[in-house]
Amino acid sequence: MRRYAGLFAVILVAVALAAAGCQRQAAQQPAPAAPPVAAVPDLGGRTLRVATDATYPPFETLDDNKNIVGYDVDLINEICKLANCTVDLKSTAWDGIFPALQKGDFDAVISGVTITEERDKTMDFTTGYITVGQVVLVRADEERIAGAGDLAE
């Protein structure tokens, strides 16, 4: 995985920059100059073995025909279009996905993976491509929960 991390990072940045350049601009504002896109390495048609745990919609899940679909699937397919490679995507149980990567069964994992200090010690990560936050919503008239400290009860 470590030898492909830089490649995936370059490709991911290129995809992100391309997506940012495709955003709809307001009619009254001139479009800004497109940022330069990093050169995407050509992988010469090679097949990348990629693991995902297809139980986390909308990022990855199985459709009615048992095909793996979702945001991460679309992303890795677009990355491979740019890098001239194909994806061999396998659904793998979450508890075995990282050991399988480290063992060399897969070249990469794309499965809503959170970057943590512990994981960063044994795996290389691309730049994050989505930020997710956690919140608790309560009715406006709720009197028992006024802040995070009230959730410990």
N, C-alpha and C. Protein backbone atom coordinates (compact mmCIF):
# COMPACT_ATOMS: atom_id res chain seq x y z
N MET A 1 0.83 -1.19 0.00
CA MET A 1 0.00 0.00 0.00
C MET A 1 0.87 1.25 0.00
N ARG A 2 1.96 1.25 0.78
CA ARG A 2 2.77 2.46 0.89
C ARG A 2 3.30 2.90 -0.46
N ARG A 3 3.64 1.98 -1.33
CA ARG A 3 4.22 2.40 -2.60
C ARG A 3 3.17 3.02 -3.53
N TYR A 4 1.89 2.80 -3.27
CA TYR A 4 0.84 3.38 -4.09
C TYR A 4 0.19 4.59 -3.45
N ALA A 5 0.51 4.91 -2.21
CA ALA A 5 -0.14 6.01 -1.50
C ALA A 5 0.09 7.34 -2.22
N GLY A 6 1.30 7.60 -2.64
CA GLY A 6 1.57 8.85 -3.34
C GLY A 6 0.80 8.94 -4.65
N LEU A 7 0.71 7.84 -5.35
CA LEU A 7 -0.03 7.79 -6.60
C LEU A 7 -1.50 8.09 -6.35
N PHE A 8 -2.08 7.43 -5.34
CA PHE A 8 -3.49 7.66 -5.03
C PHE A 8 -3.70 9.10 -4.59
N ALA A 9 -2.76 9.67 -3.86
CA ALA A 9 -2.89 11.06 -3.42
C ALA A 9 -2.91 12.00 -4.61
N VAL A 10 -2.03 11.80 -5.56
CA VAL A 10 -1.99 12.65 -6.75
C VAL A 10 -3.28 12.52 -7.54
N ILE A 11 -3.75 11.30 -7.70
CA ILE A 11 -4.98 11.08 -8.46
C ILE A 11 -6.17 11.70 -7.73
N LEU A 12 -6.23 11.52 -6.42
CA LEU A 12 -7.33 12.06 -5.64
C LEU A 12 -7.35 13.58 -5.71
N VAL A 13 -6.20 14.22 -5.64
CA VAL A 13 -6.13 15.67 -5.76
C VAL A 13 -6.59 16.10 -7.15
N ALA A 14 -6.17 15.39 -8.17
CA ALA A 14 -6.59 15.72 -9.54
C ALA A 14 -8.10 15.62 -9.68
N VAL A 15 -8.71 14.57 -9.13
CA VAL A 15 -10.16 14.41 -9.19
C VAL A 15 -10.84 15.53 -8.43
N ALA A 16 -10.34 15.86 -7.25
CA ALA A 16 -10.94 16.93 -6.45
C ALA A 16 -10.86 18.26 -7.18
N LEU A 17 -9.72 18.56 -7.78
CA LEU A 17 -9.58 19.81 -8.52
C LEU A 17 -10.49 19.84 -9.74
N ALA A 18 -10.61 18.73 -10.42
CA ALA A 18 -11.51 18.66 -11.57
C ALA A 18 -12.95 18.86 -11.13
N ALA A 19 -13.34 18.24 -10.03
CA ALA A 19 -14.71 18.39 -9.52
C ALA A 19 -14.97 19.84 -9.10
N ALA A 20 -13.99 20.46 -8.46
CA ALA A 20 -14.15 21.86 -8.04
C ALA A 20 -14.30 22.76 -9.26
N GLY A 21 -13.60 22.47 -10.31
CA GLY A 21 -13.69 23.27 -11.52
C GLY A 21 -15.00 23.10 -12.25
N CYS A 22 -15.74 22.02 -11.95
CA CYS A 22 -17.01 21.74 -12.61
C CYS A 22 -18.20 22.30 -11.85
N GLN A 23 -17.98 22.90 -10.70
CA GLN A 23 -19.09 23.44 -9.93
C GLN A 23 -19.74 24.57 -10.69
N ARG A 24 -21.06 24.65 -10.55
CA ARG A 24 -21.85 25.66 -11.24
C ARG A 24 -21.54 27.05 -10.65
N GLN A 25 -21.28 27.99 -11.50
CA GLN A 25 -20.98 29.35 -11.07
C GLN A 25 -22.24 30.21 -11.19
N ALA A 26 -22.38 31.19 -10.29
CA ALA A 26 -23.50 32.12 -10.37
C ALA A 26 -23.38 32.93 -11.66
N ALA A 27 -24.51 33.25 -12.29
CA ALA A 27 -24.52 33.91 -13.59
C ALA A 27 -23.85 35.27 -13.55
N GLN A 28 -23.98 36.02 -12.46
CA GLN A 28 -23.41 37.36 -12.40
C GLN A 28 -21.92 37.36 -12.07
N GLN A 29 -21.34 36.24 -11.66
CA GLN A 29 -19.94 36.21 -11.29
C GLN A 29 -19.13 35.51 -12.39
N PRO A 30 -18.02 36.13 -12.80
CA PRO A 30 -17.18 35.45 -13.78
C PRO A 30 -16.52 34.22 -13.14
N ALA A 31 -16.34 33.21 -13.93
CA ALA A 31 -15.72 31.98 -13.44
C ALA A 31 -14.25 32.24 -13.16
N PRO A 32 -13.75 31.78 -12.00
CA PRO A 32 -12.32 31.96 -11.71
C PRO A 32 -11.49 31.06 -12.61
N ALA A 33 -10.24 31.41 -12.76
CA ALA A 33 -9.34 30.57 -13.55
C ALA A 33 -9.24 29.19 -12.90
N ALA A 34 -9.27 28.17 -13.72
CA ALA A 34 -9.19 26.80 -13.21
C ALA A 34 -7.82 26.56 -12.60
N PRO A 35 -7.78 25.90 -11.42
CA PRO A 35 -6.48 25.61 -10.82
C PRO A 35 -5.74 24.57 -11.65
N PRO A 36 -4.43 24.58 -11.61
CA PRO A 36 -3.69 23.58 -12.37
C PRO A 36 -3.97 22.18 -11.82
N VAL A 37 -4.10 21.24 -12.70
CA VAL A 37 -4.36 19.85 -12.31
C VAL A 37 -3.06 19.07 -12.37
N ALA A 38 -2.78 18.35 -11.29
CA ALA A 38 -1.57 17.55 -11.24
C ALA A 38 -1.62 16.47 -12.32
N ALA A 39 -0.47 16.16 -12.88
CA ALA A 39 -0.40 15.10 -13.87
C ALA A 39 -0.75 13.77 -13.21
N VAL A 40 -1.61 13.03 -13.85
CA VAL A 40 -2.03 11.74 -13.32
C VAL A 40 -1.18 10.65 -13.96
N PRO A 41 -0.53 9.84 -13.14
CA PRO A 41 0.30 8.77 -13.70
C PRO A 41 -0.53 7.77 -14.50
N ASP A 42 0.03 7.24 -15.54
CA ASP A 42 -0.62 6.22 -16.35
C ASP A 42 -0.20 4.86 -15.82
N LEU A 43 -1.17 4.08 -15.33
CA LEU A 43 -0.86 2.76 -14.77
C LEU A 43 -0.91 1.66 -15.82
N GLY A 44 -1.01 2.06 -17.07
CA GLY A 44 -0.87 1.10 -18.16
C GLY A 44 -1.91 -0.01 -18.18
N GLY A 45 -3.11 0.28 -17.70
CA GLY A 45 -4.18 -0.72 -17.76
C GLY A 45 -4.14 -1.75 -16.65
N ARG A 46 -3.26 -1.59 -15.69
CA ARG A 46 -3.14 -2.57 -14.60
C ARG A 46 -4.42 -2.63 -13.79
N THR A 47 -4.65 -3.72 -13.13
CA THR A 47 -5.82 -3.91 -12.27
C THR A 47 -5.43 -3.67 -10.82
N LEU A 48 -6.16 -2.79 -10.14
CA LEU A 48 -5.96 -2.54 -8.72
C LEU A 48 -6.95 -3.36 -7.92
N ARG A 49 -6.44 -4.11 -6.96
CA ARG A 49 -7.30 -4.89 -6.06
C ARG A 49 -7.69 -3.98 -4.89
N VAL A 50 -8.98 -3.67 -4.81
CA VAL A 50 -9.46 -2.69 -3.83
C VAL A 50 -10.52 -3.34 -2.94
N ALA A 51 -10.36 -3.16 -1.64
CA ALA A 51 -11.31 -3.71 -0.67
C ALA A 51 -12.27 -2.63 -0.20
N THR A 52 -13.50 -3.03 0.06
CA THR A 52 -14.50 -2.16 0.65
C THR A 52 -15.46 -3.01 1.47
N ASP A 53 -16.01 -2.45 2.51
CA ASP A 53 -17.04 -3.14 3.29
C ASP A 53 -18.38 -2.58 2.83
N ALA A 54 -19.05 -3.30 1.95
CA ALA A 54 -20.25 -2.80 1.27
C ALA A 54 -21.49 -2.80 2.17
N THR A 55 -21.33 -2.26 3.38
CA THR A 55 -22.46 -2.19 4.32
C THR A 55 -22.61 -0.78 4.87
N TYR A 56 -22.15 0.23 4.12
CA TYR A 56 -22.13 1.59 4.64
C TYR A 56 -22.69 2.58 3.61
N PRO A 57 -24.02 2.47 3.34
CA PRO A 57 -24.59 3.40 2.37
C PRO A 57 -24.57 4.83 2.92
N PRO A 58 -24.41 5.82 2.11
CA PRO A 58 -24.40 5.81 0.64
C PRO A 58 -22.99 5.63 0.05
N PHE A 59 -22.00 5.36 0.89
CA PHE A 59 -20.63 5.24 0.40
C PHE A 59 -20.39 3.92 -0.32
N GLU A 60 -20.85 2.84 0.24
CA GLU A 60 -20.75 1.54 -0.42
C GLU A 60 -21.83 0.62 0.13
N THR A 61 -22.53 -0.01 -0.81
CA THR A 61 -23.59 -0.94 -0.45
C THR A 61 -23.83 -1.87 -1.63
N LEU A 62 -24.63 -2.90 -1.43
CA LEU A 62 -24.99 -3.80 -2.52
C LEU A 62 -26.35 -3.41 -3.06
N ASP A 63 -26.47 -3.36 -4.39
CA ASP A 63 -27.77 -3.08 -5.00
C ASP A 63 -28.57 -4.37 -5.09
N ASP A 64 -29.73 -4.33 -5.70
CA ASP A 64 -30.60 -5.50 -5.80
C ASP A 64 -29.96 -6.66 -6.56
N ASN A 65 -29.00 -6.36 -7.42
CA ASN A 65 -28.31 -7.40 -8.19
C ASN A 65 -26.98 -7.81 -7.56
N LYS A 66 -26.75 -7.38 -6.30
CA LYS A 66 -25.53 -7.71 -5.55
C LYS A 66 -24.28 -7.05 -6.12
N ASN A 67 -24.45 -5.95 -6.87
CA ASN A 67 -23.32 -5.15 -7.34
C ASN A 67 -22.97 -4.14 -6.26
N ILE A 68 -21.68 -3.89 -6.08
CA ILE A 68 -21.24 -2.90 -5.11
C ILE A 68 -21.40 -1.52 -5.76
N VAL A 69 -22.16 -0.65 -5.10
CA VAL A 69 -22.43 0.68 -5.62
C VAL A 69 -22.25 1.70 -4.51
N GLY A 70 -22.11 2.97 -4.88
CA GLY A 70 -22.03 4.04 -3.90
C GLY A 70 -20.98 5.07 -4.25
N TYR A 71 -20.88 6.09 -3.39
CA TYR A 71 -19.99 7.21 -3.60
C TYR A 71 -18.53 6.76 -3.75
N ASP A 72 -18.05 5.93 -2.82
CA ASP A 72 -16.66 5.48 -2.89
C ASP A 72 -16.40 4.65 -4.15
N VAL A 73 -17.39 3.89 -4.57
CA VAL A 73 -17.26 3.09 -5.79
C VAL A 73 -17.12 4.01 -7.00
N ASP A 74 -17.99 5.03 -7.06
CA ASP A 74 -17.90 5.98 -8.16
C ASP A 74 -16.55 6.70 -8.15
N LEU A 75 -16.08 7.05 -6.96
CA LEU A 75 -14.80 7.76 -6.85
C LEU A 75 -13.64 6.91 -7.35
N ILE A 76 -13.53 5.67 -6.90
CA ILE A 76 -12.40 4.83 -7.32
C ILE A 76 -12.48 4.52 -8.81
N ASN A 77 -13.69 4.40 -9.36
CA ASN A 77 -13.83 4.19 -10.80
C ASN A 77 -13.35 5.41 -11.59
N GLU A 78 -13.66 6.61 -11.11
CA GLU A 78 -13.20 7.83 -11.78
C GLU A 78 -11.68 7.98 -11.67
N ILE A 79 -11.15 7.64 -10.52
CA ILE A 79 -9.69 7.68 -10.35
C ILE A 79 -9.03 6.75 -11.36
N CYS A 80 -9.58 5.57 -11.50
CA CYS A 80 -8.98 4.61 -12.45
C CYS A 80 -9.15 5.04 -13.90
N LYS A 81 -10.22 5.76 -14.21
CA LYS A 81 -10.33 6.30 -15.57
C LYS A 81 -9.18 7.26 -15.85
N LEU A 82 -8.89 8.12 -14.88
CA LEU A 82 -7.80 9.08 -15.05
C LEU A 82 -6.43 8.41 -15.09
N ALA A 83 -6.27 7.33 -14.34
CA ALA A 83 -4.97 6.68 -14.22
C ALA A 83 -4.79 5.50 -15.16
N ASN A 84 -5.77 5.26 -16.03
CA ASN A 84 -5.69 4.15 -16.97
C ASN A 84 -5.46 2.82 -16.24
N CYS A 85 -6.38 2.52 -15.35
CA CYS A 85 -6.35 1.23 -14.66
C CYS A 85 -7.78 0.74 -14.49
N THR A 86 -7.92 -0.49 -14.04
CA THR A 86 -9.24 -1.04 -13.75
C THR A 86 -9.29 -1.43 -12.28
N VAL A 87 -10.51 -1.55 -11.77
CA VAL A 87 -10.70 -1.86 -10.36
C VAL A 87 -11.26 -3.26 -10.22
N ASP A 88 -10.65 -4.03 -9.35
CA ASP A 88 -11.21 -5.31 -8.91
C ASP A 88 -11.66 -5.07 -7.47
N LEU A 89 -12.94 -4.68 -7.31
CA LEU A 89 -13.48 -4.28 -6.02
C LEU A 89 -14.12 -5.47 -5.33
N LYS A 90 -13.70 -5.72 -4.10
CA LYS A 90 -14.21 -6.85 -3.32
C LYS A 90 -14.79 -6.36 -2.01
N SER A 91 -15.99 -6.82 -1.68
CA SER A 91 -16.56 -6.51 -0.38
C SER A 91 -15.89 -7.41 0.65
N THR A 92 -15.38 -6.78 1.69
CA THR A 92 -14.61 -7.47 2.72
C THR A 92 -15.11 -7.03 4.08
N ALA A 93 -15.27 -7.96 5.01
CA ALA A 93 -15.75 -7.61 6.35
C ALA A 93 -14.83 -6.58 6.97
N TRP A 94 -15.43 -5.59 7.64
CA TRP A 94 -14.68 -4.48 8.22
C TRP A 94 -13.56 -4.96 9.13
N ASP A 95 -13.82 -5.96 9.95
CA ASP A 95 -12.80 -6.39 10.91
C ASP A 95 -11.61 -7.08 10.24
N GLY A 96 -11.72 -7.42 8.98
CA GLY A 96 -10.61 -8.05 8.28
C GLY A 96 -10.00 -7.20 7.18
N ILE A 97 -10.57 -6.02 6.96
CA ILE A 97 -10.17 -5.22 5.80
C ILE A 97 -8.73 -4.69 5.92
N PHE A 98 -8.33 -4.22 7.09
CA PHE A 98 -6.98 -3.68 7.26
C PHE A 98 -5.93 -4.79 7.33
N PRO A 99 -6.19 -5.90 8.03
CA PRO A 99 -5.22 -6.99 7.99
C PRO A 99 -5.01 -7.52 6.56
N ALA A 100 -6.08 -7.57 5.76
CA ALA A 100 -5.95 -8.03 4.38
C ALA A 100 -5.11 -7.07 3.55
N LEU A 101 -5.26 -5.77 3.79
CA LEU A 101 -4.44 -4.77 3.10
C LEU A 101 -2.98 -4.94 3.48
N GLN A 102 -2.72 -5.06 4.78
CA GLN A 102 -1.34 -5.19 5.25
C GLN A 102 -0.69 -6.48 4.78
N LYS A 103 -1.49 -7.52 4.62
CA LYS A 103 -0.97 -8.81 4.15
C LYS A 103 -0.67 -8.78 2.65
N GLY A 104 -1.21 -7.78 1.94
CA GLY A 104 -0.97 -7.69 0.51
C GLY A 104 -2.08 -8.28 -0.34
N ASP A 105 -3.19 -8.64 0.29
CA ASP A 105 -4.32 -9.16 -0.48
C ASP A 105 -4.97 -8.08 -1.34
N PHE A 106 -4.80 -6.81 -0.93
CA PHE A 106 -5.36 -5.68 -1.65
C PHE A 106 -4.31 -4.60 -1.83
N ASP A 107 -4.48 -3.81 -2.90
CA ASP A 107 -3.60 -2.67 -3.13
C ASP A 107 -4.08 -1.44 -2.38
N ALA A 108 -5.39 -1.38 -2.12
CA ALA A 108 -5.97 -0.20 -1.48
C ALA A 108 -7.29 -0.58 -0.82
N VAL A 109 -7.74 0.33 0.05
CA VAL A 109 -9.06 0.22 0.69
C VAL A 109 -9.78 1.52 0.43
N ILE A 110 -11.05 1.43 0.04
CA ILE A 110 -11.89 2.62 -0.06
C ILE A 110 -13.22 2.24 0.57
N SER A 111 -13.43 2.73 1.80
CA SER A 111 -14.59 2.25 2.55
C SER A 111 -14.96 3.19 3.70
N GLY A 112 -15.06 4.46 3.42
CA GLY A 112 -15.41 5.40 4.48
C GLY A 112 -14.46 5.32 5.66
N VAL A 113 -13.18 5.18 5.40
CA VAL A 113 -12.18 4.98 6.44
C VAL A 113 -11.83 6.31 7.10
N THR A 114 -11.91 6.34 8.40
CA THR A 114 -11.49 7.51 9.17
C THR A 114 -9.98 7.44 9.39
N ILE A 115 -9.31 8.55 9.15
CA ILE A 115 -7.87 8.61 9.36
C ILE A 115 -7.63 8.83 10.85
N THR A 116 -6.97 7.88 11.48
CA THR A 116 -6.64 7.99 12.90
C THR A 116 -5.13 7.89 13.09
N GLU A 117 -4.65 8.36 14.24
CA GLU A 117 -3.21 8.26 14.51
C GLU A 117 -2.76 6.80 14.52
N GLU A 118 -3.56 5.92 15.11
CA GLU A 118 -3.20 4.51 15.18
C GLU A 118 -3.08 3.89 13.78
N ARG A 119 -4.06 4.15 12.93
CA ARG A 119 -4.02 3.60 11.57
C ARG A 119 -2.88 4.22 10.77
N ASP A 120 -2.61 5.49 11.01
CA ASP A 120 -1.57 6.19 10.25
C ASP A 120 -0.18 5.60 10.52
N LYS A 121 -0.03 4.87 11.62
CA LYS A 121 1.26 4.24 11.93
C LYS A 121 1.55 3.05 11.04
N THR A 122 0.50 2.42 10.49
CA THR A 122 0.70 1.20 9.71
C THR A 122 0.23 1.29 8.27
N MET A 123 -0.43 2.40 7.91
CA MET A 123 -0.96 2.56 6.56
C MET A 123 -0.69 3.97 6.07
N ASP A 124 -0.63 4.13 4.76
CA ASP A 124 -0.53 5.45 4.15
C ASP A 124 -1.91 5.88 3.71
N PHE A 125 -2.22 7.15 3.90
CA PHE A 125 -3.51 7.70 3.53
C PHE A 125 -3.34 8.78 2.47
N THR A 126 -4.35 8.92 1.63
CA THR A 126 -4.43 10.08 0.75
C THR A 126 -4.93 11.24 1.60
N THR A 127 -5.02 12.40 1.01
CA THR A 127 -5.68 13.51 1.67
C THR A 127 -7.16 13.14 1.80
N GLY A 128 -7.76 13.48 2.94
CA GLY A 128 -9.17 13.18 3.12
C GLY A 128 -10.02 13.83 2.04
N TYR A 129 -11.09 13.17 1.64
CA TYR A 129 -11.94 13.72 0.59
C TYR A 129 -13.36 14.00 1.06
N ILE A 130 -13.63 13.80 2.34
CA ILE A 130 -14.92 14.17 2.89
C ILE A 130 -14.76 14.39 4.39
N THR A 131 -15.48 15.37 4.91
CA THR A 131 -15.45 15.65 6.33
C THR A 131 -16.84 15.39 6.89
N VAL A 132 -16.91 14.58 7.92
CA VAL A 132 -18.18 14.23 8.53
C VAL A 132 -18.15 14.65 9.98
N GLY A 133 -19.21 15.28 10.44
CA GLY A 133 -19.30 15.68 11.83
C GLY A 133 -20.46 14.96 12.51
N GLN A 134 -20.44 14.98 13.81
CA GLN A 134 -21.49 14.34 14.59
C GLN A 134 -22.26 15.40 15.36
N VAL A 135 -23.58 15.32 15.38
CA VAL A 135 -24.41 16.26 16.12
C VAL A 135 -25.56 15.51 16.77
N VAL A 136 -26.14 16.14 17.77
CA VAL A 136 -27.37 15.63 18.38
C VAL A 136 -28.41 16.73 18.21
N LEU A 137 -29.57 16.38 17.68
CA LEU A 137 -30.65 17.34 17.49
C LEU A 137 -31.74 17.06 18.51
N VAL A 138 -32.28 18.11 19.09
CA VAL A 138 -33.42 17.98 20.00
C VAL A 138 -34.44 19.04 19.63
N ARG A 139 -35.68 18.83 20.03
CA ARG A 139 -36.72 19.82 19.78
C ARG A 139 -36.37 21.13 20.48
N ALA A 140 -36.84 22.24 19.95
CA ALA A 140 -36.55 23.55 20.53
C ALA A 140 -37.11 23.67 21.94
N ASP A 141 -38.18 22.93 22.24
CA ASP A 141 -38.79 23.03 23.57
C ASP A 141 -38.24 22.00 24.55
N GLU A 142 -37.20 21.28 24.15
CA GLU A 142 -36.60 20.26 25.03
C GLU A 142 -35.89 20.95 26.19
N GLU A 143 -36.24 20.59 27.40
CA GLU A 143 -35.64 21.22 28.57
C GLU A 143 -34.61 20.33 29.26
N ARG A 144 -34.62 19.02 29.01
CA ARG A 144 -33.72 18.10 29.70
C ARG A 144 -32.33 18.05 29.08
N ILE A 145 -32.22 18.41 27.81
CA ILE A 145 -30.92 18.36 27.13
C ILE A 145 -30.58 19.76 26.65
N ALA A 146 -29.66 20.40 27.35
CA ALA A 146 -29.24 21.76 26.99
C ALA A 146 -27.82 21.78 26.45
N GLY A 147 -27.09 20.69 26.64
CA GLY A 147 -25.70 20.64 26.16
C GLY A 147 -25.16 19.23 26.24
N ALA A 148 -23.91 19.06 25.82
CA ALA A 148 -23.28 17.74 25.77
C ALA A 148 -23.26 17.07 27.14
N GLY A 149 -23.09 17.83 28.22
CA GLY A 149 -23.03 17.25 29.57
C GLY A 149 -24.32 16.55 29.97
N ASP A 150 -25.43 16.97 29.39
CA ASP A 150 -26.72 16.37 29.72
C ASP A 150 -26.89 15.00 29.08
N LEU A 151 -26.06 14.64 28.13
CA LEU A 151 -26.18 13.35 27.46
C LEU A 151 -25.59 12.20 28.26
N ALA A 152 -24.84 12.48 29.29
CA ALA A 152 -24.21 11.44 30.11
C ALA A 152 -25.20 10.74 31.02
N GLU A 153 -26.38 11.30 31.20
CA GLU A 153 -27.38 10.73 32.13
C GLU A 153 -27.98 9.47 31.61
